[in-house]
Amino acid sequence: MLTHTYIYTISDHLGNIRYVGKSNNPKQRLNSHIQDKKRKHKFNWLNSIIKSGNKPIIEVIDIVSINDWEYWETYW
């Protein structure tokens, strides 16, 4: 049973953070975000980074209890 999860940010190559999320596997989640065409604004932003020859940067900013992740995601 999971006891913790990760709060992460996604930023561009200049360090501009545009997204905060929660995942048990942040690297895999980034790939999901890149493929998720339903969230058009985020999809376009991530793909504009990639098309410019850069990579979106995912960074774990906190490790939190699985029971409290909603609070911490909102906090960050």
PDB file of N, CA and C in Angstrom:
ATOM      1  N   MET A   1       0.842  -1.184   0.000  1.00  0.00           N
ATOM      2  CA  MET A   1       0.000   0.000   0.000  1.00  0.00           C
ATOM      3  C   MET A   1       0.885   1.245   0.000  1.00  0.00           C
ATOM      4  N   LEU A   2       0.535   2.208  -0.839  1.00  0.00           N
ATOM      5  CA  LEU A   2       1.289   3.455  -0.915  1.00  0.00           C
ATOM      6  C   LEU A   2       1.088   4.282   0.348  1.00  0.00           C
ATOM      7  N   THR A   3       2.164   4.864   0.818  1.00  0.00           N
ATOM      8  CA  THR A   3       2.075   5.743   1.983  1.00  0.00           C
ATOM      9  C   THR A   3       2.407   7.183   1.639  1.00  0.00           C
ATOM     10  N   HIS A   4       3.045   7.383   0.480  1.00  0.00           N
ATOM     11  CA  HIS A   4       3.412   8.740   0.075  1.00  0.00           C
ATOM     12  C   HIS A   4       3.239   8.914  -1.432  1.00  0.00           C
ATOM     13  N   THR A   5       3.242  10.166  -1.859  1.00  0.00           N
ATOM     14  CA  THR A   5       3.165  10.510  -3.274  1.00  0.00           C
ATOM     15  C   THR A   5       3.976  11.783  -3.486  1.00  0.00           C
ATOM     16  N   TYR A   6       4.125  12.187  -4.718  1.00  0.00           N
ATOM     17  CA  TYR A   6       4.992  13.310  -5.059  1.00  0.00           C
ATOM     18  C   TYR A   6       4.181  14.498  -5.563  1.00  0.00           C
ATOM     19  N   ILE A   7       4.565  15.673  -5.124  1.00  0.00           N
ATOM     20  CA  ILE A   7       4.059  16.918  -5.687  1.00  0.00           C
ATOM     21  C   ILE A   7       5.177  17.431  -6.596  1.00  0.00           C
ATOM     22  N   TYR A   8       4.821  17.823  -7.826  1.00  0.00           N
ATOM     23  CA  TYR A   8       5.841  18.197  -8.800  1.00  0.00           C
ATOM     24  C   TYR A   8       5.434  19.456  -9.550  1.00  0.00           C
ATOM     25  N   THR A   9       6.423  20.071 -10.166  1.00  0.00           N
ATOM     26  CA  THR A   9       6.164  21.200 -11.059  1.00  0.00           C
ATOM     27  C   THR A   9       6.639  20.828 -12.455  1.00  0.00           C
ATOM     28  N   ILE A  10       6.045  21.478 -13.441  1.00  0.00           N
ATOM     29  CA  ILE A  10       6.546  21.393 -14.812  1.00  0.00           C
ATOM     30  C   ILE A  10       6.857  22.819 -15.234  1.00  0.00           C
ATOM     31  N   SER A  11       8.061  23.001 -15.757  1.00  0.00           N
ATOM     32  CA  SER A  11       8.492  24.325 -16.199  1.00  0.00           C
ATOM     33  C   SER A  11       9.140  24.224 -17.570  1.00  0.00           C
ATOM     34  N   ASP A  12       9.340  25.394 -18.175  1.00  0.00           N
ATOM     35  CA  ASP A  12      10.053  25.431 -19.444  1.00  0.00           C
ATOM     36  C   ASP A  12      11.554  25.538 -19.179  1.00  0.00           C
ATOM     37  N   HIS A  13      12.346  25.607 -20.226  1.00  0.00           N
ATOM     38  CA  HIS A  13      13.805  25.632 -20.101  1.00  0.00           C
ATOM     39  C   HIS A  13      14.318  26.908 -19.436  1.00  0.00           C
ATOM     40  N   LEU A  14      13.460  27.924 -19.321  1.00  0.00           N
ATOM     41  CA  LEU A  14      13.851  29.171 -18.650  1.00  0.00           C
ATOM     42  C   LEU A  14      13.488  29.170 -17.169  1.00  0.00           C
ATOM     43  N   GLY A  15      12.850  28.091 -16.725  1.00  0.00           N
ATOM     44  CA  GLY A  15      12.476  27.984 -15.314  1.00  0.00           C
ATOM     45  C   GLY A  15      11.104  28.530 -14.982  1.00  0.00           C
ATOM     46  N   ASN A  16      10.314  28.868 -15.999  1.00  0.00           N
ATOM     47  CA  ASN A  16       8.957  29.373 -15.771  1.00  0.00           C
ATOM     48  C   ASN A  16       8.027  28.212 -15.446  1.00  0.00           C
ATOM     49  N   ILE A  17       7.600  28.126 -14.195  1.00  0.00           N
ATOM     50  CA  ILE A  17       6.703  27.057 -13.754  1.00  0.00           C
ATOM     51  C   ILE A  17       5.291  27.395 -14.206  1.00  0.00           C
ATOM     52  N   ARG A  18       4.662  26.440 -14.878  1.00  0.00           N
ATOM     53  CA  ARG A  18       3.294  26.660 -15.355  1.00  0.00           C
ATOM     54  C   ARG A  18       2.329  25.593 -14.873  1.00  0.00           C
ATOM     55  N   TYR A  19       2.840  24.593 -14.153  1.00  0.00           N
ATOM     56  CA  TYR A  19       1.954  23.515 -13.731  1.00  0.00           C
ATOM     57  C   TYR A  19       2.472  22.892 -12.439  1.00  0.00           C
ATOM     58  N   VAL A  20       1.544  22.613 -11.517  1.00  0.00           N
ATOM     59  CA  VAL A  20       1.835  21.866 -10.289  1.00  0.00           C
ATOM     60  C   VAL A  20       0.888  20.682 -10.273  1.00  0.00           C
ATOM     61  N   GLY A  21       1.432  19.504  -9.973  1.00  0.00           N
ATOM     62  CA  GLY A  21       0.597  18.304  -9.958  1.00  0.00           C
ATOM     63  C   GLY A  21       1.040  17.313  -8.921  1.00  0.00           C
ATOM     64  N   LYS A  22       0.350  16.190  -8.892  1.00  0.00           N
ATOM     65  CA  LYS A  22       0.626  15.095  -7.966  1.00  0.00           C
ATOM     66  C   LYS A  22       0.729  13.811  -8.772  1.00  0.00           C
ATOM     67  N   SER A  23       1.676  12.978  -8.422  1.00  0.00           N
ATOM     68  CA  SER A  23       1.810  11.699  -9.112  1.00  0.00           C
ATOM     69  C   SER A  23       2.597  10.722  -8.254  1.00  0.00           C
ATOM     70  N   ASN A  24       2.310   9.455  -8.438  1.00  0.00           N
ATOM     71  CA  ASN A  24       3.114   8.410  -7.814  1.00  0.00           C
ATOM     72  C   ASN A  24       4.357   8.120  -8.650  1.00  0.00           C
ATOM     73  N   ASN A  25       4.337   8.554  -9.920  1.00  0.00           N
ATOM     74  CA  ASN A  25       5.462   8.364 -10.829  1.00  0.00           C
ATOM     75  C   ASN A  25       5.579   9.601 -11.722  1.00  0.00           C
ATOM     76  N   PRO A  26       6.244  10.663 -11.248  1.00  0.00           N
ATOM     77  CA  PRO A  26       6.278  11.930 -11.981  1.00  0.00           C
ATOM     78  C   PRO A  26       6.810  11.855 -13.410  1.00  0.00           C
ATOM     79  N   LYS A  27       7.852  11.088 -13.659  1.00  0.00           N
ATOM     80  CA  LYS A  27       8.395  11.016 -15.021  1.00  0.00           C
ATOM     81  C   LYS A  27       7.377  10.422 -15.988  1.00  0.00           C
ATOM     82  N   GLN A  28       6.691   9.386 -15.558  1.00  0.00           N
ATOM     83  CA  GLN A  28       5.659   8.780 -16.396  1.00  0.00           C
ATOM     84  C   GLN A  28       4.506   9.766 -16.581  1.00  0.00           C
ATOM     85  N   ARG A  29       4.196  10.531 -15.550  1.00  0.00           N
ATOM     86  CA  ARG A  29       3.108  11.501 -15.633  1.00  0.00           C
ATOM     87  C   ARG A  29       3.427  12.603 -16.642  1.00  0.00           C
ATOM     88  N   LEU A  30       4.683  13.034 -16.697  1.00  0.00           N
ATOM     89  CA  LEU A  30       5.069  14.041 -17.685  1.00  0.00           C
ATOM     90  C   LEU A  30       4.773  13.539 -19.093  1.00  0.00           C
ATOM     91  N   ASN A  31       5.111  12.307 -19.370  1.00  0.00           N
ATOM     92  CA  ASN A  31       4.820  11.733 -20.692  1.00  0.00           C
ATOM     93  C   ASN A  31       3.320  11.728 -20.966  1.00  0.00           C
ATOM     94  N   SER A  32       2.520  11.451 -19.938  1.00  0.00           N
ATOM     95  CA  SER A  32       1.066  11.486 -20.104  1.00  0.00           C
ATOM     96  C   SER A  32       0.590  12.891 -20.435  1.00  0.00           C
ATOM     97  N   HIS A  33       1.153  13.894 -19.760  1.00  0.00           N
ATOM     98  CA  HIS A  33       0.783  15.284 -20.037  1.00  0.00           C
ATOM     99  C   HIS A  33       1.107  15.649 -21.487  1.00  0.00           C
ATOM    100  N   ILE A  34       2.254  15.230 -21.962  1.00  0.00           N
ATOM    101  CA  ILE A  34       2.678  15.564 -23.323  1.00  0.00           C
ATOM    102  C   ILE A  34       1.721  14.959 -24.353  1.00  0.00           C
ATOM    103  N   GLN A  35       1.151  13.806 -24.055  1.00  0.00           N
ATOM    104  CA  GLN A  35       0.243  13.113 -24.978  1.00  0.00           C
ATOM    105  C   GLN A  35      -1.222  13.534 -24.834  1.00  0.00           C
ATOM    106  N   ASP A  36      -1.578  14.228 -23.744  1.00  0.00           N
ATOM    107  CA  ASP A  36      -2.973  14.526 -23.409  1.00  0.00           C
ATOM    108  C   ASP A  36      -3.505  15.707 -24.223  1.00  0.00           C
ATOM    109  N   LYS A  37      -4.128  15.404 -25.342  1.00  0.00           N
ATOM    110  CA  LYS A  37      -4.648  16.444 -26.232  1.00  0.00           C
ATOM    111  C   LYS A  37      -5.951  17.052 -25.716  1.00  0.00           C
ATOM    112  N   LYS A  38      -6.568  16.429 -24.703  1.00  0.00           N
ATOM    113  CA  LYS A  38      -7.813  16.963 -24.147  1.00  0.00           C
ATOM    114  C   LYS A  38      -7.578  18.278 -23.411  1.00  0.00           C
ATOM    115  N   ARG A  39      -6.423  18.423 -22.811  1.00  0.00           N
ATOM    116  CA  ARG A  39      -6.061  19.654 -22.090  1.00  0.00           C
ATOM    117  C   ARG A  39      -5.269  20.526 -23.053  1.00  0.00           C
ATOM    118  N   LYS A  40      -5.993  21.155 -23.973  1.00  0.00           N
ATOM    119  CA  LYS A  40      -5.388  21.819 -25.129  1.00  0.00           C
ATOM    120  C   LYS A  40      -4.349  22.878 -24.746  1.00  0.00           C
ATOM    121  N   HIS A  41      -4.635  23.715 -23.758  1.00  0.00           N
ATOM    122  CA  HIS A  41      -3.702  24.776 -23.395  1.00  0.00           C
ATOM    123  C   HIS A  41      -2.367  24.190 -22.917  1.00  0.00           C
ATOM    124  N   LYS A  42      -2.440  23.210 -22.019  1.00  0.00           N
ATOM    125  CA  LYS A  42      -1.221  22.575 -21.499  1.00  0.00           C
ATOM    126  C   LYS A  42      -0.510  21.793 -22.599  1.00  0.00           C
ATOM    127  N   PHE A  43      -1.273  21.084 -23.406  1.00  0.00           N
ATOM    128  CA  PHE A  43      -0.705  20.316 -24.520  1.00  0.00           C
ATOM    129  C   PHE A  43       0.068  21.238 -25.465  1.00  0.00           C
ATOM    130  N   ASN A  44      -0.544  22.360 -25.839  1.00  0.00           N
ATOM    131  CA  ASN A  44       0.117  23.306 -26.742  1.00  0.00           C
ATOM    132  C   ASN A  44       1.380  23.892 -26.123  1.00  0.00           C
ATOM    133  N   TRP A  45       1.310  24.230 -24.837  1.00  0.00           N
ATOM    134  CA  TRP A  45       2.476  24.782 -24.146  1.00  0.00           C
ATOM    135  C   TRP A  45       3.623  23.779 -24.127  1.00  0.00           C
ATOM    136  N   LEU A  46       3.345  22.541 -23.721  1.00  0.00           N
ATOM    137  CA  LEU A  46       4.394  21.518 -23.649  1.00  0.00           C
ATOM    138  C   LEU A  46       4.980  21.240 -25.028  1.00  0.00           C
ATOM    139  N   ASN A  47       4.133  21.154 -26.022  1.00  0.00           N
ATOM    140  CA  ASN A  47       4.631  20.868 -27.365  1.00  0.00           C
ATOM    141  C   ASN A  47       5.384  22.048 -27.970  1.00  0.00           C
ATOM    142  N   SER A  48       5.056  23.276 -27.570  1.00  0.00           N
ATOM    143  CA  SER A  48       5.837  24.423 -28.044  1.00  0.00           C
ATOM    144  C   SER A  48       7.254  24.383 -27.474  1.00  0.00           C
ATOM    145  N   ILE A  49       7.386  23.897 -26.251  1.00  0.00           N
ATOM    146  CA  ILE A  49       8.713  23.730 -25.645  1.00  0.00           C
ATOM    147  C   ILE A  49       9.517  22.708 -26.446  1.00  0.00           C
ATOM    148  N   ILE A  50       8.884  21.586 -26.731  1.00  0.00           N
ATOM    149  CA  ILE A  50       9.547  20.504 -27.461  1.00  0.00           C
ATOM    150  C   ILE A  50       9.915  20.946 -28.880  1.00  0.00           C
ATOM    151  N   LYS A  51       8.998  21.632 -29.554  1.00  0.00           N
ATOM    152  CA  LYS A  51       9.265  22.088 -30.921  1.00  0.00           C
ATOM    153  C   LYS A  51      10.391  23.115 -30.990  1.00  0.00           C
ATOM    154  N   SER A  52      10.632  23.816 -29.887  1.00  0.00           N
ATOM    155  CA  SER A  52      11.725  24.799 -29.862  1.00  0.00           C
ATOM    156  C   SER A  52      13.081  24.133 -29.604  1.00  0.00           C
ATOM    157  N   GLY A  53      13.073  22.791 -29.468  1.00  0.00           N
ATOM    158  CA  GLY A  53      14.313  22.061 -29.256  1.00  0.00           C
ATOM    159  C   GLY A  53      14.684  21.895 -27.791  1.00  0.00           C
ATOM    160  N   ASN A  54      13.768  22.238 -26.905  1.00  0.00           N
ATOM    161  CA  ASN A  54      14.011  22.093 -25.467  1.00  0.00           C
ATOM    162  C   ASN A  54      13.121  21.000 -24.906  1.00  0.00           C
ATOM    163  N   LYS A  55      13.265  20.747 -23.618  1.00  0.00           N
ATOM    164  CA  LYS A  55      12.456  19.740 -22.951  1.00  0.00           C
ATOM    165  C   LYS A  55      11.750  20.375 -21.762  1.00  0.00           C
ATOM    166  N   PRO A  56      10.493  19.985 -21.530  1.00  0.00           N
ATOM    167  CA  PRO A  56       9.835  20.412 -20.307  1.00  0.00           C
ATOM    168  C   PRO A  56      10.607  19.833 -19.114  1.00  0.00           C
ATOM    169  N   ILE A  57      10.673  20.597 -18.049  1.00  0.00           N
ATOM    170  CA  ILE A  57      11.420  20.161 -16.867  1.00  0.00           C
ATOM    171  C   ILE A  57      10.431  19.814 -15.768  1.00  0.00           C
ATOM    172  N   ILE A  58      10.515  18.585 -15.282  1.00  0.00           N
ATOM    173  CA  ILE A  58       9.678  18.157 -14.173  1.00  0.00           C
ATOM    174  C   ILE A  58      10.565  18.079 -12.938  1.00  0.00           C
ATOM    175  N   GLU A  59      10.079  18.636 -11.842  1.00  0.00           N
ATOM    176  CA  GLU A  59      10.853  18.662 -10.607  1.00  0.00           C
ATOM    177  C   GLU A  59       9.946  18.306  -9.439  1.00  0.00           C
ATOM    178  N   VAL A  60      10.350  17.312  -8.668  1.00  0.00           N
ATOM    179  CA  VAL A  60       9.622  16.958  -7.451  1.00  0.00           C
ATOM    180  C   VAL A  60       9.938  18.026  -6.411  1.00  0.00           C
ATOM    181  N   ILE A  61       8.894  18.638  -5.868  1.00  0.00           N
ATOM    182  CA  ILE A  61       9.093  19.701  -4.881  1.00  0.00           C
ATOM    183  C   ILE A  61       8.697  19.268  -3.478  1.00  0.00           C
ATOM    184  N   ASP A  62       7.985  18.127  -3.368  1.00  0.00           N
ATOM    185  CA  ASP A  62       7.584  17.655  -2.042  1.00  0.00           C
ATOM    186  C   ASP A  62       7.206  16.188  -2.130  1.00  0.00           C
ATOM    187  N   ILE A  63       7.423  15.488  -1.059  1.00  0.00           N
ATOM    188  CA  ILE A  63       6.952  14.116  -0.889  1.00  0.00           C
ATOM    189  C   ILE A  63       5.990  14.168   0.282  1.00  0.00           C
ATOM    190  N   VAL A  64       4.744  13.763   0.047  1.00  0.00           N
ATOM    191  CA  VAL A  64       3.696  13.947   1.047  1.00  0.00           C
ATOM    192  C   VAL A  64       2.939  12.646   1.296  1.00  0.00           C
ATOM    193  N   SER A  65       2.233  12.617   2.409  1.00  0.00           N
ATOM    194  CA  SER A  65       1.391  11.478   2.743  1.00  0.00           C
ATOM    195  C   SER A  65       0.312  11.328   1.679  1.00  0.00           C
ATOM    196  N   ILE A  66       0.034  10.104   1.303  1.00  0.00           N
ATOM    197  CA  ILE A  66      -0.990   9.829   0.302  1.00  0.00           C
ATOM    198  C   ILE A  66      -2.345  10.355   0.756  1.00  0.00           C
ATOM    199  N   ASN A  67      -2.531  10.480   2.073  1.00  0.00           N
ATOM    200  CA  ASN A  67      -3.794  10.960   2.621  1.00  0.00           C
ATOM    201  C   ASN A  67      -3.945  12.477   2.540  1.00  0.00           C
ATOM    202  N   ASP A  68      -2.845  13.193   2.380  1.00  0.00           N
ATOM    203  CA  ASP A  68      -2.873  14.657   2.426  1.00  0.00           C
ATOM    204  C   ASP A  68      -2.484  15.324   1.112  1.00  0.00           C
ATOM    205  N   TRP A  69      -2.369  14.584   0.034  1.00  0.00           N
ATOM    206  CA  TRP A  69      -1.831  15.155  -1.201  1.00  0.00           C
ATOM    207  C   TRP A  69      -2.653  16.314  -1.735  1.00  0.00           C
ATOM    208  N   GLU A  70      -3.983  16.268  -1.591  1.00  0.00           N
ATOM    209  CA  GLU A  70      -4.810  17.353  -2.137  1.00  0.00           C
ATOM    210  C   GLU A  70      -4.481  18.691  -1.483  1.00  0.00           C
ATOM    211  N   TYR A  71      -4.281  18.660  -0.169  1.00  0.00           N
ATOM    212  CA  TYR A  71      -3.914  19.885   0.539  1.00  0.00           C
ATOM    213  C   TYR A  71      -2.586  20.428  -0.004  1.00  0.00           C
ATOM    214  N   TRP A  72      -1.592  19.554  -0.114  1.00  0.00           N
ATOM    215  CA  TRP A  72      -0.254  20.001  -0.520  1.00  0.00           C
ATOM    216  C   TRP A  72      -0.190  20.420  -1.984  1.00  0.00           C
ATOM    217  N   GLU A  73      -0.951  19.765  -2.836  1.00  0.00           N
ATOM    218  CA  GLU A  73      -0.975  20.186  -4.242  1.00  0.00           C
ATOM    219  C   GLU A  73      -1.540  21.606  -4.339  1.00  0.00           C
ATOM    220  N   THR A  74      -2.615  21.874  -3.606  1.00  0.00           N
ATOM    221  CA  THR A  74      -3.189  23.221  -3.592  1.00  0.00           C
ATOM    222  C   THR A  74      -2.229  24.221  -2.963  1.00  0.00           C
ATOM    223  N   TYR A  75      -1.570  23.813  -1.891  1.00  0.00           N
ATOM    224  CA  TYR A  75      -0.619  24.686  -1.209  1.00  0.00           C
ATOM    225  C   TYR A  75       0.474  25.160  -2.173  1.00  0.00           C
ATOM    226  N   TRP A  76       1.031  24.231  -2.906  1.00  0.00           N
ATOM    227  CA  TRP A  76       2.126  24.584  -3.818  1.00  0.00           C
ATOM    228  C   TRP A  76       1.603  25.306  -5.036  1.00  0.00           C
TER     229      TRP A  76
END
